[in-house]
Amino acid sequence: MQTHPAKRVEIVIEEVMQRRLTDTLLKAGVTGFTVLPVRGGSGRSGLWSRAGQVGRAGGMVAVMCIVRADRLDALLEAAFAVVETHIGLVSVTDCDVVRADRF
């Protein structure tokens, strides 16, 4: 089966910023994404967990999307404009997709 090169972008950000981020990605031309809850992790501030938190304020989500390489810069600029002033990270990896017409 033939595959096609693409870029997978994962953005971990505070849950309260999810809508702002996804709206920004759509305006930047991203045609699809997946949002997943993040249960916990460790970073500069040490270990953290979603367990025992009240409300949405302390939660994190991971927003994942796959784009063609020629759309990557616009996506990263849009994402960084949101993530820059908040807790979060952005990572990019190479991937292959089977249905290139969807990206």
C-alpha atoms as a PDB file:
ATOM      1  CA  MET A   1       0.000   0.000   0.000  1.00  0.00           C
ATOM      2  CA  GLN A   2       1.316   3.436  -0.888  1.00  0.00           C
ATOM      3  CA  THR A   3       1.886   5.991   1.871  1.00  0.00           C
ATOM      4  CA  HIS A   4       2.486   9.732   1.724  1.00  0.00           C
ATOM      5  CA  PRO A   5       4.702  11.883   3.978  1.00  0.00           C
ATOM      6  CA  ALA A   6       3.014  14.276   6.408  1.00  0.00           C
ATOM      7  CA  LYS A   7       3.659  16.049   9.706  1.00  0.00           C
ATOM      8  CA  ARG A   8       2.006  15.133  12.998  1.00  0.00           C
ATOM      9  CA  VAL A   9       1.681  18.029  15.425  1.00  0.00           C
ATOM     10  CA  GLU A  10       0.838  17.489  19.081  1.00  0.00           C
ATOM     11  CA  ILE A  11      -0.037  20.422  21.284  1.00  0.00           C
ATOM     12  CA  VAL A  12      -0.498  19.956  25.028  1.00  0.00           C
ATOM     13  CA  ILE A  13      -2.242  22.917  26.624  1.00  0.00           C
ATOM     14  CA  GLU A  14      -4.469  23.845  29.536  1.00  0.00           C
ATOM     15  CA  GLU A  15      -7.999  22.596  28.981  1.00  0.00           C
ATOM     16  CA  VAL A  16      -9.487  26.069  29.397  1.00  0.00           C
ATOM     17  CA  MET A  17      -7.473  27.161  26.314  1.00  0.00           C
ATOM     18  CA  GLN A  18      -8.670  24.308  24.097  1.00  0.00           C
ATOM     19  CA  ARG A  19     -11.392  26.250  22.287  1.00  0.00           C
ATOM     20  CA  ARG A  20      -9.117  29.213  21.615  1.00  0.00           C
ATOM     21  CA  LEU A  21      -6.453  26.883  20.231  1.00  0.00           C
ATOM     22  CA  THR A  22      -8.785  24.849  18.018  1.00  0.00           C
ATOM     23  CA  ASP A  23     -10.501  27.987  16.681  1.00  0.00           C
ATOM     24  CA  THR A  24      -7.060  29.392  15.849  1.00  0.00           C
ATOM     25  CA  LEU A  25      -6.022  26.176  14.098  1.00  0.00           C
ATOM     26  CA  LEU A  26      -9.177  26.186  11.976  1.00  0.00           C
ATOM     27  CA  LYS A  27      -8.528  29.798  10.953  1.00  0.00           C
ATOM     28  CA  ALA A  28      -4.976  28.758   9.969  1.00  0.00           C
ATOM     29  CA  GLY A  29      -6.360  26.173   7.538  1.00  0.00           C
ATOM     30  CA  VAL A  30      -6.133  22.999   9.630  1.00  0.00           C
ATOM     31  CA  THR A  31      -8.919  20.744   8.360  1.00  0.00           C
ATOM     32  CA  GLY A  32      -9.060  18.323  11.273  1.00  0.00           C
ATOM     33  CA  PHE A  33      -7.745  17.538  14.724  1.00  0.00           C
ATOM     34  CA  THR A  34      -8.292  15.225  17.682  1.00  0.00           C
ATOM     35  CA  VAL A  35      -8.526  16.361  21.305  1.00  0.00           C
ATOM     36  CA  LEU A  36      -7.595  13.942  24.088  1.00  0.00           C
ATOM     37  CA  PRO A  37      -7.615  14.413  27.861  1.00  0.00           C
ATOM     38  CA  VAL A  38      -4.214  14.348  29.534  1.00  0.00           C
ATOM     39  CA  ARG A  39      -4.293  12.526  32.867  1.00  0.00           C
ATOM     40  CA  GLY A  40      -1.001  13.715  34.279  1.00  0.00           C
ATOM     41  CA  GLY A  41       2.673  14.191  33.672  1.00  0.00           C
ATOM     42  CA  SER A  42       5.851  15.858  34.776  1.00  0.00           C
ATOM     43  CA  GLY A  43       7.569  19.019  33.647  1.00  0.00           C
ATOM     44  CA  ARG A  44       9.461  22.059  34.909  1.00  0.00           C
ATOM     45  CA  SER A  45       6.987  22.398  37.770  1.00  0.00           C
ATOM     46  CA  GLY A  46       7.284  18.743  38.783  1.00  0.00           C
ATOM     47  CA  LEU A  47       4.726  15.941  38.819  1.00  0.00           C
ATOM     48  CA  TRP A  48       1.049  16.729  38.366  1.00  0.00           C
ATOM     49  CA  SER A  49      -2.140  14.710  38.066  1.00  0.00           C
ATOM     50  CA  ARG A  50      -5.715  15.381  37.091  1.00  0.00           C
ATOM     51  CA  ALA A  51      -6.865  13.226  40.044  1.00  0.00           C
ATOM     52  CA  GLY A  52      -8.608  15.164  42.789  1.00  0.00           C
ATOM     53  CA  GLN A  53      -8.905  18.422  40.846  1.00  0.00           C
ATOM     54  CA  VAL A  54     -12.157  20.293  40.992  1.00  0.00           C
ATOM     55  CA  GLY A  55     -13.389  21.903  37.786  1.00  0.00           C
ATOM     56  CA  ARG A  56     -11.609  22.365  34.488  1.00  0.00           C
ATOM     57  CA  ALA A  57      -8.995  24.873  35.600  1.00  0.00           C
ATOM     58  CA  GLY A  58      -6.208  22.372  36.288  1.00  0.00           C
ATOM     59  CA  GLY A  59      -6.759  19.958  33.421  1.00  0.00           C
ATOM     60  CA  MET A  60      -4.671  19.577  30.302  1.00  0.00           C
ATOM     61  CA  VAL A  61      -5.561  18.343  26.827  1.00  0.00           C
ATOM     62  CA  ALA A  62      -3.556  17.116  23.865  1.00  0.00           C
ATOM     63  CA  VAL A  63      -4.619  18.438  20.463  1.00  0.00           C
ATOM     64  CA  MET A  64      -3.243  16.316  17.626  1.00  0.00           C
ATOM     65  CA  CYS A  65      -3.398  17.034  13.932  1.00  0.00           C
ATOM     66  CA  ILE A  66      -1.748  15.810  10.766  1.00  0.00           C
ATOM     67  CA  VAL A  67      -0.930  18.204   7.934  1.00  0.00           C
ATOM     68  CA  ARG A  68       1.026  18.311   4.717  1.00  0.00           C
ATOM     69  CA  ALA A  69       4.495  19.776   5.117  1.00  0.00           C
ATOM     70  CA  ASP A  70       3.545  22.914   3.173  1.00  0.00           C
ATOM     71  CA  ARG A  71       0.905  23.755   5.813  1.00  0.00           C
ATOM     72  CA  LEU A  72       3.175  23.225   8.818  1.00  0.00           C
ATOM     73  CA  ASP A  73       4.533  26.765   9.236  1.00  0.00           C
ATOM     74  CA  ALA A  74       1.066  28.358   9.293  1.00  0.00           C
ATOM     75  CA  LEU A  75      -0.086  25.799  11.857  1.00  0.00           C
ATOM     76  CA  LEU A  76       2.940  26.338  14.100  1.00  0.00           C
ATOM     77  CA  GLU A  77       2.653  30.127  13.985  1.00  0.00           C
ATOM     78  CA  ALA A  78      -1.028  29.935  14.911  1.00  0.00           C
ATOM     79  CA  ALA A  79      -0.462  27.397  17.686  1.00  0.00           C
ATOM     80  CA  PHE A  80       2.484  29.256  19.168  1.00  0.00           C
ATOM     81  CA  ALA A  81       0.457  32.467  19.344  1.00  0.00           C
ATOM     82  CA  VAL A  82      -1.847  30.656  21.802  1.00  0.00           C
ATOM     83  CA  VAL A  83       0.665  28.435  23.634  1.00  0.00           C
ATOM     84  CA  GLU A  84       3.319  31.133  24.055  1.00  0.00           C
ATOM     85  CA  THR A  85       1.701  32.730  27.117  1.00  0.00           C
ATOM     86  CA  HIS A  86       0.319  29.550  28.712  1.00  0.00           C
ATOM     87  CA  ILE A  87       1.461  26.220  30.059  1.00  0.00           C
ATOM     88  CA  GLY A  88       1.955  23.826  27.172  1.00  0.00           C
ATOM     89  CA  LEU A  89       4.195  22.359  24.545  1.00  0.00           C
ATOM     90  CA  VAL A  90       4.220  21.820  20.804  1.00  0.00           C
ATOM     91  CA  SER A  91       5.941  18.905  19.097  1.00  0.00           C
ATOM     92  CA  VAL A  92       6.273  17.922  15.445  1.00  0.00           C
ATOM     93  CA  THR A  93       7.075  14.479  14.084  1.00  0.00           C
ATOM     94  CA  ASP A  94       7.288  13.006  10.614  1.00  0.00           C
ATOM     95  CA  CYS A  95       4.597  10.485   9.758  1.00  0.00           C
ATOM     96  CA  ASP A  96       3.114   8.704   6.766  1.00  0.00           C
ATOM     97  CA  VAL A  97      -0.569   8.658   5.844  1.00  0.00           C
ATOM     98  CA  VAL A  98      -2.485   6.332   3.570  1.00  0.00           C
ATOM     99  CA  ARG A  99      -5.130   8.786   2.337  1.00  0.00           C
ATOM    100  CA  ALA A 100      -3.186  11.951   1.463  1.00  0.00           C
ATOM    101  CA  ASP A 101      -6.286  13.658   0.038  1.00  0.00           C
ATOM    102  CA  ARG A 102      -7.660  14.037   3.585  1.00  0.00           C
ATOM    103  CA  PHE A 103      -4.855  16.374   4.625  1.00  0.00           C
END
